[in-house]
Structures are given as structure tokens and as C-alpha cells.
Amino acid sequence: MGEEMAMKNARDLFAETDQKVAELKKRIARQREVIKQAKLRGHSTAAAETIQRTLHQSLRAFEQRRQQIFERLEAKQR
């Protein structure tokens, strides 16, 4: 039962991480729109662009984590 529980936990962790990736992609799209609107209004976009870079860094980290979890799940299924 231990192995079965570990697989369930890994699948749950994968699902949670996948959800975070999806949420970050939505936030990045919204942030892109914020930057676009700020530019159209002649406002500074420096802070918004810093947030955008941070969101992209977070996205990359979650995508890497998701890949690691996926590879662990694949190895356990063999």
C-alpha cells in the first residue's frame, strides 16, 4: 500500500503543480495586458515589466517542477 500511496501523492502533486502553471499563464496574459494599457496611456511600465519577469521566472520554476514530478511518475510506472 505504501507504493500505491506514494503514486497517489505524486499524482496529486503533479495536478497541483499543473494547476499552478495554468494560473501563472493566465496571470502573465493579464500582466501583458496591463503593460499594453500602461503604454497606451503613456505611463511607465517599469514596475509592471518587473512583475512580468518575476511571473515568467515562477512559471519556469513550476514547469521544471512539473517535469520532475512527471519523470518520477513515469519511472514508478515501469
Protein backbone atom coordinates (compact mmCIF):
# COMPACT_ATOMS: atom_id res chain seq x y z
CA MET A 1 0.00 0.00 0.00
CA GLY A 2 2.97 2.35 0.55
CA GLU A 3 3.88 2.41 -3.14
CA GLU A 4 0.24 2.98 -4.10
CA MET A 5 0.01 5.90 -1.65
CA ALA A 6 3.26 7.39 -2.98
CA MET A 7 1.88 7.24 -6.53
CA LYS A 8 -1.35 8.93 -5.44
CA ASN A 9 0.61 11.65 -3.66
CA ALA A 10 2.84 12.16 -6.70
CA ARG A 11 -0.23 12.35 -8.99
CA ASP A 12 -1.85 14.86 -6.62
CA LEU A 13 1.34 16.91 -6.53
CA PHE A 14 1.52 16.81 -10.33
CA ALA A 15 -2.09 18.01 -10.60
CA GLU A 16 -1.48 20.83 -8.13
CA THR A 17 1.68 21.90 -9.93
CA ASP A 18 -0.07 21.72 -13.30
CA GLN A 19 -2.81 23.97 -11.91
CA LYS A 20 -0.20 26.48 -10.73
CA VAL A 21 1.31 26.51 -14.23
CA ALA A 22 -2.12 27.25 -15.73
CA GLU A 23 -2.78 30.02 -13.20
CA LEU A 24 0.59 31.62 -13.86
CA LYS A 25 -0.02 31.57 -17.61
CA LYS A 26 -3.31 33.43 -17.04
CA ARG A 27 -1.61 35.96 -14.76
CA ILE A 28 1.11 36.51 -17.35
CA ALA A 29 -1.51 37.18 -20.02
CA ARG A 30 -3.27 39.67 -17.72
CA GLN A 31 0.04 41.33 -16.90
CA ARG A 32 0.83 41.63 -20.59
CA GLU A 33 -2.47 43.49 -20.99
CA VAL A 34 -1.62 45.77 -18.03
CA ILE A 35 1.67 46.66 -19.71
CA LYS A 36 -0.05 47.28 -23.03
CA GLN A 37 -2.64 49.57 -21.43
CA ALA A 38 0.02 51.47 -19.47
CA LYS A 39 1.98 52.08 -22.67
CA LEU A 40 -1.14 53.28 -24.48
CA ARG A 41 -1.80 55.77 -21.68
CA GLY A 42 1.79 56.96 -21.64
CA HIS A 43 2.52 55.56 -18.16
CA SER A 44 5.74 53.97 -17.02
CA THR A 45 5.78 50.21 -17.39
CA ALA A 46 8.94 49.53 -15.37
CA ALA A 47 7.16 48.08 -12.32
CA ALA A 48 4.72 46.09 -14.45
CA GLU A 49 7.59 44.68 -16.50
CA THR A 50 9.43 43.67 -13.32
CA ILE A 51 6.31 41.82 -12.20
CA GLN A 52 6.09 40.20 -15.65
CA ARG A 53 9.69 38.95 -15.39
CA THR A 54 9.01 37.56 -11.91
CA LEU A 55 5.90 35.78 -13.14
CA HIS A 56 7.91 34.24 -16.01
CA GLN A 57 10.61 33.07 -13.58
CA SER A 58 7.95 31.48 -11.38
CA LEU A 59 6.36 29.84 -14.41
CA ARG A 60 9.69 28.34 -15.47
CA ALA A 61 10.28 27.01 -11.95
CA PHE A 62 6.82 25.40 -11.78
CA GLU A 63 7.22 23.93 -15.27
CA GLN A 64 10.55 22.40 -14.25
CA ARG A 65 9.00 21.02 -11.07
CA ARG A 66 6.08 19.59 -13.04
CA GLN A 67 8.54 17.88 -15.40
CA GLN A 68 10.45 16.38 -12.45
CA ILE A 69 7.24 15.02 -10.95
CA PHE A 70 6.19 13.64 -14.33
CA GLU A 71 9.52 11.88 -14.76
CA ARG A 72 9.21 10.40 -11.26
CA LEU A 73 5.72 9.12 -12.08
CA GLU A 74 6.95 7.62 -15.36
CA ALA A 75 9.80 5.85 -13.57
CA LYS A 76 7.43 4.37 -10.99
CA GLN A 77 5.12 3.02 -13.67
CA ARG A 78 7.90 1.00 -15.31
